[in-house]
Amino acid sequence: MNLSNNIERDLIILEHIEQDPDTSQAALASQLEVAVGTVNWHLKRLIEKGYVKVSRLERKKLKYIITPEGIALRTRLTMDYIQNSFNLYRLVRERATRAINEAKAAGYHAVQIEGSGDVAEICRLTCLEQQITVVNDGKAPVLHLAGLKVILEMQEKS
């Protein structure tokens, strides 16, 4: 497991517990799309660190309570998540703007976008802002999206 996934999972678990203290590990696992054992591991860590308390309601039913330290952690993780998201957004916009400016300097007023997801949406918005039309035309330059990279491919103008 990488650190980023652990942090995101901790945040989701803390938010879910705050909304529903009677939640089950199975419900958390379903929301996170991971195994129940993974949720159990995260909860044990959060309990050991004092972010979550657990009490037994029934023989097999547990209730999770976020401690004040857990609320502070959730707030810090939320702020970090937002900051990281904005940093990634700025990075993609900068790369898209650079590629679009290169296409504009070569005399193009339209581009194709090859890719999908959030990076593609950021590129579309950047094109709109830069008054560049997004087309499905084999003659227009292509913005190839690879992860967070935006690679411009231009054909020779005839």
N, C-alpha and C. Protein backbone atom coordinates (compact mmCIF):
# COMPACT_ATOMS: atom_id res chain seq x y z
N MET A 1 0.85 -1.19 0.00
CA MET A 1 0.00 0.00 0.00
C MET A 1 0.88 1.24 0.00
N ASN A 2 0.53 2.21 -0.81
CA ASN A 2 1.34 3.42 -0.76
C ASN A 2 0.75 4.42 0.23
N LEU A 3 1.58 5.36 0.64
CA LEU A 3 1.20 6.32 1.68
C LEU A 3 -0.02 7.14 1.28
N SER A 4 -0.07 7.57 0.03
CA SER A 4 -1.19 8.39 -0.43
C SER A 4 -2.51 7.65 -0.28
N ASN A 5 -2.54 6.37 -0.67
CA ASN A 5 -3.76 5.58 -0.51
C ASN A 5 -4.15 5.45 0.95
N ASN A 6 -3.17 5.23 1.83
CA ASN A 6 -3.46 5.10 3.26
C ASN A 6 -4.07 6.38 3.81
N ILE A 7 -3.53 7.52 3.41
CA ILE A 7 -4.04 8.80 3.89
C ILE A 7 -5.46 9.02 3.40
N GLU A 8 -5.70 8.75 2.11
CA GLU A 8 -7.05 8.91 1.56
C GLU A 8 -8.03 7.97 2.25
N ARG A 9 -7.62 6.75 2.48
CA ARG A 9 -8.50 5.78 3.14
C ARG A 9 -8.77 6.20 4.57
N ASP A 10 -7.75 6.66 5.28
CA ASP A 10 -7.96 7.15 6.65
C ASP A 10 -8.98 8.28 6.66
N LEU A 11 -8.85 9.20 5.72
CA LEU A 11 -9.77 10.33 5.63
C LEU A 11 -11.20 9.85 5.38
N ILE A 12 -11.36 8.95 4.44
CA ILE A 12 -12.71 8.44 4.13
C ILE A 12 -13.29 7.69 5.32
N ILE A 13 -12.48 6.89 5.99
CA ILE A 13 -12.95 6.15 7.16
C ILE A 13 -13.38 7.12 8.25
N LEU A 14 -12.56 8.13 8.54
CA LEU A 14 -12.90 9.10 9.58
C LEU A 14 -14.18 9.85 9.23
N GLU A 15 -14.33 10.27 7.97
CA GLU A 15 -15.54 10.97 7.56
C GLU A 15 -16.77 10.08 7.70
N HIS A 16 -16.63 8.83 7.28
CA HIS A 16 -17.76 7.90 7.32
C HIS A 16 -18.17 7.60 8.77
N ILE A 17 -17.18 7.40 9.63
CA ILE A 17 -17.47 7.13 11.04
C ILE A 17 -18.13 8.34 11.68
N GLU A 18 -17.66 9.53 11.33
CA GLU A 18 -18.26 10.74 11.89
C GLU A 18 -19.74 10.85 11.50
N GLN A 19 -20.06 10.47 10.27
CA GLN A 19 -21.45 10.52 9.79
C GLN A 19 -22.29 9.39 10.36
N ASP A 20 -21.67 8.22 10.55
CA ASP A 20 -22.42 7.04 11.01
C ASP A 20 -21.56 6.21 11.95
N PRO A 21 -21.57 6.51 13.25
CA PRO A 21 -20.74 5.77 14.20
C PRO A 21 -21.08 4.28 14.29
N ASP A 22 -22.28 3.91 13.84
CA ASP A 22 -22.70 2.51 13.89
C ASP A 22 -22.33 1.74 12.62
N THR A 23 -21.55 2.35 11.76
CA THR A 23 -21.18 1.70 10.51
C THR A 23 -20.41 0.41 10.78
N SER A 24 -20.41 -0.46 9.81
CA SER A 24 -19.68 -1.72 9.95
C SER A 24 -18.41 -1.68 9.09
N GLN A 25 -17.50 -2.56 9.41
CA GLN A 25 -16.29 -2.66 8.60
C GLN A 25 -16.63 -3.08 7.17
N ALA A 26 -17.65 -3.90 7.02
CA ALA A 26 -18.07 -4.33 5.68
C ALA A 26 -18.59 -3.13 4.87
N ALA A 27 -19.34 -2.23 5.52
CA ALA A 27 -19.85 -1.05 4.82
C ALA A 27 -18.70 -0.14 4.42
N LEU A 28 -17.73 0.02 5.32
CA LEU A 28 -16.56 0.84 5.01
C LEU A 28 -15.76 0.23 3.86
N ALA A 29 -15.60 -1.09 3.90
CA ALA A 29 -14.85 -1.79 2.83
C ALA A 29 -15.55 -1.61 1.49
N SER A 30 -16.87 -1.67 1.50
CA SER A 30 -17.64 -1.49 0.26
C SER A 30 -17.45 -0.08 -0.28
N GLN A 31 -17.49 0.92 0.59
CA GLN A 31 -17.32 2.30 0.14
C GLN A 31 -15.92 2.54 -0.41
N LEU A 32 -14.92 1.95 0.23
CA LEU A 32 -13.53 2.13 -0.20
C LEU A 32 -13.14 1.19 -1.34
N GLU A 33 -14.00 0.21 -1.61
CA GLU A 33 -13.72 -0.82 -2.61
C GLU A 33 -12.44 -1.59 -2.30
N VAL A 34 -12.32 -1.99 -1.02
CA VAL A 34 -11.19 -2.78 -0.56
C VAL A 34 -11.73 -3.94 0.28
N ALA A 35 -10.84 -4.83 0.67
CA ALA A 35 -11.23 -5.96 1.51
C ALA A 35 -11.50 -5.49 2.94
N VAL A 36 -12.35 -6.23 3.64
CA VAL A 36 -12.66 -5.92 5.04
C VAL A 36 -11.38 -5.93 5.88
N GLY A 37 -10.45 -6.82 5.57
CA GLY A 37 -9.18 -6.87 6.30
C GLY A 37 -8.39 -5.58 6.19
N THR A 38 -8.48 -4.93 5.04
CA THR A 38 -7.79 -3.64 4.85
C THR A 38 -8.41 -2.59 5.76
N VAL A 39 -9.73 -2.55 5.83
CA VAL A 39 -10.42 -1.61 6.71
C VAL A 39 -10.06 -1.91 8.16
N ASN A 40 -10.03 -3.18 8.51
CA ASN A 40 -9.67 -3.58 9.87
C ASN A 40 -8.28 -3.07 10.23
N TRP A 41 -7.34 -3.20 9.30
CA TRP A 41 -5.97 -2.73 9.52
C TRP A 41 -5.94 -1.22 9.77
N HIS A 42 -6.67 -0.47 8.93
CA HIS A 42 -6.74 0.99 9.09
C HIS A 42 -7.36 1.35 10.43
N LEU A 43 -8.47 0.70 10.78
CA LEU A 43 -9.14 1.01 12.05
C LEU A 43 -8.24 0.72 13.24
N LYS A 44 -7.54 -0.40 13.21
CA LYS A 44 -6.62 -0.72 14.31
C LYS A 44 -5.56 0.37 14.47
N ARG A 45 -5.02 0.84 13.35
CA ARG A 45 -4.02 1.93 13.40
C ARG A 45 -4.62 3.19 13.99
N LEU A 46 -5.82 3.55 13.53
CA LEU A 46 -6.47 4.77 14.02
C LEU A 46 -6.81 4.66 15.50
N ILE A 47 -7.18 3.47 15.94
CA ILE A 47 -7.49 3.24 17.36
C ILE A 47 -6.20 3.32 18.18
N GLU A 48 -5.13 2.65 17.72
CA GLU A 48 -3.84 2.68 18.43
C GLU A 48 -3.31 4.10 18.60
N LYS A 49 -3.53 4.93 17.59
CA LYS A 49 -3.02 6.31 17.63
C LYS A 49 -3.94 7.25 18.40
N GLY A 50 -5.09 6.74 18.85
CA GLY A 50 -6.00 7.56 19.66
C GLY A 50 -6.95 8.43 18.85
N TYR A 51 -7.09 8.16 17.55
CA TYR A 51 -7.98 8.96 16.72
C TYR A 51 -9.42 8.45 16.74
N VAL A 52 -9.57 7.17 17.06
CA VAL A 52 -10.88 6.54 17.10
C VAL A 52 -10.96 5.68 18.35
N LYS A 53 -12.12 5.70 18.99
CA LYS A 53 -12.41 4.79 20.11
C LYS A 53 -13.47 3.82 19.62
N VAL A 54 -13.45 2.65 20.22
CA VAL A 54 -14.44 1.65 19.82
C VAL A 54 -15.12 1.12 21.08
N SER A 55 -16.43 0.92 21.00
CA SER A 55 -17.16 0.30 22.10
C SER A 55 -18.07 -0.77 21.51
N ARG A 56 -18.32 -1.78 22.32
CA ARG A 56 -19.13 -2.90 21.85
C ARG A 56 -20.59 -2.63 22.18
N LEU A 57 -21.44 -2.62 21.16
CA LEU A 57 -22.88 -2.43 21.36
C LEU A 57 -23.55 -3.77 21.64
N GLU A 58 -23.21 -4.74 20.83
CA GLU A 58 -23.72 -6.10 20.99
C GLU A 58 -22.54 -7.04 20.81
N ARG A 59 -22.81 -8.32 20.85
CA ARG A 59 -21.73 -9.30 20.75
C ARG A 59 -20.89 -9.09 19.49
N LYS A 60 -21.54 -8.83 18.35
CA LYS A 60 -20.81 -8.67 17.10
C LYS A 60 -20.92 -7.25 16.54
N LYS A 61 -21.52 -6.34 17.27
CA LYS A 61 -21.74 -4.98 16.76
C LYS A 61 -20.85 -4.00 17.53
N LEU A 62 -20.10 -3.22 16.78
CA LEU A 62 -19.21 -2.22 17.38
C LEU A 62 -19.68 -0.82 17.03
N LYS A 63 -19.33 0.12 17.89
CA LYS A 63 -19.61 1.53 17.61
C LYS A 63 -18.27 2.25 17.64
N TYR A 64 -18.03 3.04 16.60
CA TYR A 64 -16.79 3.78 16.48
C TYR A 64 -17.05 5.25 16.80
N ILE A 65 -16.15 5.83 17.58
CA ILE A 65 -16.28 7.22 17.98
C ILE A 65 -14.98 7.93 17.65
N ILE A 66 -15.09 9.04 16.93
CA ILE A 66 -13.90 9.82 16.62
C ILE A 66 -13.57 10.69 17.82
N THR A 67 -12.32 10.64 18.25
CA THR A 67 -11.85 11.45 19.37
C THR A 67 -11.57 12.87 18.89
N PRO A 68 -11.38 13.81 19.80
CA PRO A 68 -10.99 15.16 19.38
C PRO A 68 -9.71 15.14 18.53
N GLU A 69 -8.77 14.25 18.87
CA GLU A 69 -7.56 14.12 18.06
C GLU A 69 -7.90 13.62 16.66
N GLY A 70 -8.88 12.72 16.57
CA GLY A 70 -9.33 12.20 15.28
C GLY A 70 -9.99 13.28 14.43
N ILE A 71 -10.75 14.16 15.08
CA ILE A 71 -11.37 15.27 14.35
C ILE A 71 -10.29 16.21 13.82
N ALA A 72 -9.28 16.47 14.66
CA ALA A 72 -8.17 17.33 14.21
C ALA A 72 -7.43 16.68 13.04
N LEU A 73 -7.23 15.36 13.10
CA LEU A 73 -6.57 14.64 12.00
C LEU A 73 -7.41 14.72 10.73
N ARG A 74 -8.71 14.50 10.85
CA ARG A 74 -9.60 14.56 9.69
C ARG A 74 -9.53 15.94 9.05
N THR A 75 -9.54 16.97 9.86
CA THR A 75 -9.45 18.34 9.34
C THR A 75 -8.13 18.56 8.61
N ARG A 76 -7.04 18.11 9.22
CA ARG A 76 -5.71 18.26 8.61
C ARG A 76 -5.62 17.47 7.30
N LEU A 77 -6.13 16.24 7.29
CA LEU A 77 -6.11 15.42 6.08
C LEU A 77 -6.96 16.04 4.98
N THR A 78 -8.10 16.61 5.36
CA THR A 78 -8.97 17.26 4.38
C THR A 78 -8.26 18.46 3.75
N MET A 79 -7.63 19.27 4.59
CA MET A 79 -6.91 20.44 4.09
C MET A 79 -5.75 20.00 3.18
N ASP A 80 -5.03 18.98 3.57
CA ASP A 80 -3.93 18.47 2.75
C ASP A 80 -4.45 17.94 1.40
N TYR A 81 -5.57 17.25 1.44
CA TYR A 81 -6.16 16.70 0.22
C TYR A 81 -6.55 17.84 -0.73
N ILE A 82 -7.18 18.87 -0.20
CA ILE A 82 -7.59 20.01 -1.02
C ILE A 82 -6.37 20.70 -1.61
N GLN A 83 -5.35 20.93 -0.77
CA GLN A 83 -4.13 21.60 -1.24
C GLN A 83 -3.46 20.78 -2.35
N ASN A 84 -3.36 19.48 -2.15
CA ASN A 84 -2.75 18.60 -3.15
C ASN A 84 -3.55 18.63 -4.46
N SER A 85 -4.87 18.62 -4.34
CA SER A 85 -5.73 18.67 -5.53
C SER A 85 -5.51 19.96 -6.31
N PHE A 86 -5.43 21.09 -5.61
CA PHE A 86 -5.18 22.36 -6.28
C PHE A 86 -3.81 22.39 -6.92
N ASN A 87 -2.82 21.82 -6.26
CA ASN A 87 -1.47 21.77 -6.84
C ASN A 87 -1.46 20.97 -8.14
N LEU A 88 -2.15 19.83 -8.15
CA LEU A 88 -2.23 19.01 -9.36
C LEU A 88 -3.01 19.75 -10.46
N TYR A 89 -4.07 20.43 -10.08
CA TYR A 89 -4.85 21.21 -11.04
C TYR A 89 -3.97 22.28 -11.69
N ARG A 90 -3.23 23.02 -10.86
CA ARG A 90 -2.36 24.08 -11.38
C ARG A 90 -1.29 23.50 -12.31
N LEU A 91 -0.72 22.37 -11.93
CA LEU A 91 0.30 21.73 -12.76
C LEU A 91 -0.25 21.36 -14.13
N VAL A 92 -1.41 20.74 -14.18
CA VAL A 92 -2.02 20.33 -15.45
C VAL A 92 -2.39 21.56 -16.27
N ARG A 93 -2.95 22.59 -15.62
CA ARG A 93 -3.30 23.82 -16.35
C ARG A 93 -2.07 24.47 -16.96
N GLU A 94 -0.99 24.50 -16.22
CA GLU A 94 0.26 25.08 -16.73
C GLU A 94 0.76 24.30 -17.95
N ARG A 95 0.73 22.98 -17.87
CA ARG A 95 1.17 22.15 -18.99
C ARG A 95 0.25 22.31 -20.19
N ALA A 96 -1.06 22.36 -19.95
CA ALA A 96 -2.02 22.53 -21.04
C ALA A 96 -1.85 23.90 -21.68
N THR A 97 -1.69 24.92 -20.88
CA THR A 97 -1.50 26.28 -21.40
C THR A 97 -0.25 26.36 -22.27
N ARG A 98 0.81 25.74 -21.81
CA ARG A 98 2.06 25.74 -22.58
C ARG A 98 1.86 25.06 -23.94
N ALA A 99 1.19 23.93 -23.96
CA ALA A 99 0.94 23.20 -25.21
C ALA A 99 0.01 23.99 -26.12
N ILE A 100 -1.02 24.59 -25.56
CA ILE A 100 -1.97 25.38 -26.35
C ILE A 100 -1.27 26.60 -26.96
N ASN A 101 -0.44 27.26 -26.18
CA ASN A 101 0.29 28.42 -26.69
C ASN A 101 1.23 28.03 -27.83
N GLU A 102 1.80 26.85 -27.72
CA GLU A 102 2.67 26.36 -28.80
C GLU A 102 1.85 26.13 -30.08
N ALA A 103 0.65 25.55 -29.92
CA ALA A 103 -0.22 25.32 -31.08
C ALA A 103 -0.68 26.65 -31.67
N LYS A 104 -1.02 27.61 -30.82
CA LYS A 104 -1.44 28.93 -31.30
C LYS A 104 -0.29 29.63 -32.05
N ALA A 105 0.92 29.50 -31.54
CA ALA A 105 2.08 30.13 -32.18
C ALA A 105 2.33 29.52 -33.56
N ALA A 106 1.91 28.26 -33.73
CA ALA A 106 2.06 27.61 -35.04
C ALA A 106 0.88 27.91 -35.96
N GLY A 107 -0.06 28.74 -35.48
CA GLY A 107 -1.17 29.16 -36.32
C GLY A 107 -2.44 28.33 -36.19
N TYR A 108 -2.53 27.45 -35.23
CA TYR A 108 -3.72 26.62 -35.05
C TYR A 108 -4.72 27.31 -34.13
N HIS A 109 -6.01 27.07 -34.39
CA HIS A 109 -7.09 27.62 -33.57
C HIS A 109 -7.97 26.52 -32.99
N ALA A 110 -7.53 25.27 -33.21
CA ALA A 110 -8.27 24.11 -32.71
C ALA A 110 -7.29 23.00 -32.39
N VAL A 111 -7.69 22.15 -31.43
CA VAL A 111 -6.88 20.98 -31.07
C VAL A 111 -7.81 19.80 -30.82
N GLN A 112 -7.21 18.63 -30.84
CA GLN A 112 -7.90 17.42 -30.42
C GLN A 112 -7.36 17.06 -29.04
N ILE A 113 -8.18 16.43 -28.23
CA ILE A 113 -7.72 15.95 -26.93
C ILE A 113 -7.82 14.43 -26.94
N GLU A 114 -6.70 13.78 -26.71
CA GLU A 114 -6.66 12.32 -26.68
C GLU A 114 -6.45 11.89 -25.24
N GLY A 115 -7.52 11.47 -24.62
CA GLY A 115 -7.49 11.04 -23.22
C GLY A 115 -8.82 11.37 -22.59
N SER A 116 -8.98 10.97 -21.34
CA SER A 116 -10.24 11.23 -20.65
C SER A 116 -9.96 11.46 -19.17
N GLY A 117 -11.02 11.75 -18.45
CA GLY A 117 -10.89 11.95 -17.01
C GLY A 117 -10.67 13.40 -16.64
N ASP A 118 -10.22 13.60 -15.43
CA ASP A 118 -10.05 14.95 -14.89
C ASP A 118 -9.04 15.78 -15.67
N VAL A 119 -7.93 15.16 -16.08
CA VAL A 119 -6.91 15.89 -16.82
C VAL A 119 -7.50 16.37 -18.15
N ALA A 120 -8.29 15.56 -18.81
CA ALA A 120 -8.93 15.97 -20.07
C ALA A 120 -9.89 17.13 -19.83
N GLU A 121 -10.62 17.09 -18.73
CA GLU A 121 -11.55 18.18 -18.43
C GLU A 121 -10.80 19.49 -18.16
N ILE A 122 -9.69 19.41 -17.47
CA ILE A 122 -8.87 20.61 -17.23
C ILE A 122 -8.36 21.15 -18.57
N CYS A 123 -7.94 20.26 -19.46
CA CYS A 123 -7.48 20.70 -20.79
C CYS A 123 -8.61 21.35 -21.57
N ARG A 124 -9.81 20.78 -21.52
CA ARG A 124 -10.96 21.37 -22.22
C ARG A 124 -11.24 22.78 -21.70
N LEU A 125 -11.24 22.93 -20.39
CA LEU A 125 -11.49 24.24 -19.79
C LEU A 125 -10.40 25.24 -20.18
N THR A 126 -9.17 24.78 -20.21
CA THR A 126 -8.05 25.65 -20.58
C THR A 126 -8.19 26.06 -22.05
N CYS A 127 -8.60 25.15 -22.90
CA CYS A 127 -8.83 25.48 -24.32
C CYS A 127 -9.92 26.54 -24.44
N LEU A 128 -11.00 26.34 -23.72
CA LEU A 128 -12.10 27.29 -23.75
C LEU A 128 -11.61 28.68 -23.33
N GLU A 129 -10.85 28.72 -22.27
CA GLU A 129 -10.31 29.98 -21.76
C GLU A 129 -9.37 30.64 -22.78
N GLN A 130 -8.61 29.82 -23.49
CA GLN A 130 -7.63 30.33 -24.46
C GLN A 130 -8.23 30.51 -25.86
N GLN A 131 -9.56 30.36 -25.97
CA GLN A 131 -10.28 30.49 -27.24
C GLN A 131 -9.76 29.54 -28.31
N ILE A 132 -9.51 28.31 -27.87
CA ILE A 132 -9.11 27.23 -28.77
C ILE A 132 -10.27 26.24 -28.81
N THR A 133 -10.68 25.85 -30.00
CA THR A 133 -11.78 24.91 -30.16
C THR A 133 -11.25 23.48 -30.05
N VAL A 134 -12.02 22.65 -29.35
CA VAL A 134 -11.68 21.22 -29.28
C VAL A 134 -12.48 20.52 -30.35
N VAL A 135 -11.77 19.81 -31.23
CA VAL A 135 -12.41 19.16 -32.38
C VAL A 135 -11.99 17.70 -32.48
N ASN A 136 -12.69 16.97 -33.34
CA ASN A 136 -12.29 15.61 -33.71
C ASN A 136 -11.91 15.63 -35.18
N ASP A 137 -10.84 16.32 -35.46
CA ASP A 137 -10.40 16.54 -36.84
C ASP A 137 -8.96 16.05 -36.95
N GLY A 138 -8.73 15.11 -37.83
CA GLY A 138 -7.39 14.53 -37.98
C GLY A 138 -6.32 15.53 -38.36
N LYS A 139 -6.70 16.74 -38.77
CA LYS A 139 -5.73 17.74 -39.19
C LYS A 139 -5.29 18.65 -38.04
N ALA A 140 -6.05 18.65 -36.97
CA ALA A 140 -5.73 19.53 -35.83
C ALA A 140 -4.65 18.88 -34.96
N PRO A 141 -3.83 19.71 -34.29
CA PRO A 141 -2.84 19.16 -33.36
C PRO A 141 -3.54 18.35 -32.26
N VAL A 142 -2.82 17.43 -31.68
CA VAL A 142 -3.39 16.56 -30.66
C VAL A 142 -2.70 16.81 -29.32
N LEU A 143 -3.51 16.98 -28.28
CA LEU A 143 -3.00 17.00 -26.91
C LEU A 143 -3.13 15.58 -26.39
N HIS A 144 -2.01 14.88 -26.31
CA HIS A 144 -1.99 13.51 -25.77
C HIS A 144 -1.85 13.62 -24.26
N LEU A 145 -2.73 12.94 -23.54
CA LEU A 145 -2.70 12.97 -22.08
C LEU A 145 -2.16 11.65 -21.57
N ALA A 146 -1.11 11.73 -20.78
CA ALA A 146 -0.50 10.54 -20.19
C ALA A 146 -0.28 10.83 -18.71
N GLY A 147 -1.20 10.35 -17.88
CA GLY A 147 -1.13 10.69 -16.47
C GLY A 147 -1.38 12.18 -16.33
N LEU A 148 -0.42 12.89 -15.75
CA LEU A 148 -0.53 14.34 -15.61
C LEU A 148 0.20 15.09 -16.72
N LYS A 149 0.77 14.35 -17.67
CA LYS A 149 1.51 14.97 -18.77
C LYS A 149 0.56 15.37 -19.88
N VAL A 150 0.86 16.50 -20.52
CA VAL A 150 0.12 16.98 -21.68
C VAL A 150 1.15 17.15 -22.79
N ILE A 151 1.07 16.29 -23.79
CA ILE A 151 2.06 16.27 -24.87
C ILE A 151 1.39 16.72 -26.17
N LEU A 152 1.94 17.77 -26.76
CA LEU A 152 1.39 18.30 -28.01
C LEU A 152 2.04 17.60 -29.19
N GLU A 153 1.21 17.12 -30.12
CA GLU A 153 1.69 16.53 -31.36
C GLU A 153 1.06 17.29 -32.51
N MET A 154 1.92 17.93 -33.31
CA MET A 154 1.42 18.70 -34.46
C MET A 154 1.86 18.06 -35.75
N GLN A 155 0.94 18.06 -36.73
CA GLN A 155 1.26 17.63 -38.09
C GLN A 155 1.90 18.81 -38.79
N GLU A 156 2.66 18.54 -39.79
CA GLU A 156 3.20 19.64 -40.60
C GLU A 156 2.05 20.29 -41.35
N LYS A 157 1.96 21.61 -41.29
CA LYS A 157 0.91 22.32 -42.02
C LYS A 157 1.23 22.29 -43.51
N SER A 158 0.17 22.04 -44.31
CA SER A 158 0.41 22.03 -45.75
C SER A 158 -0.12 23.25 -46.43
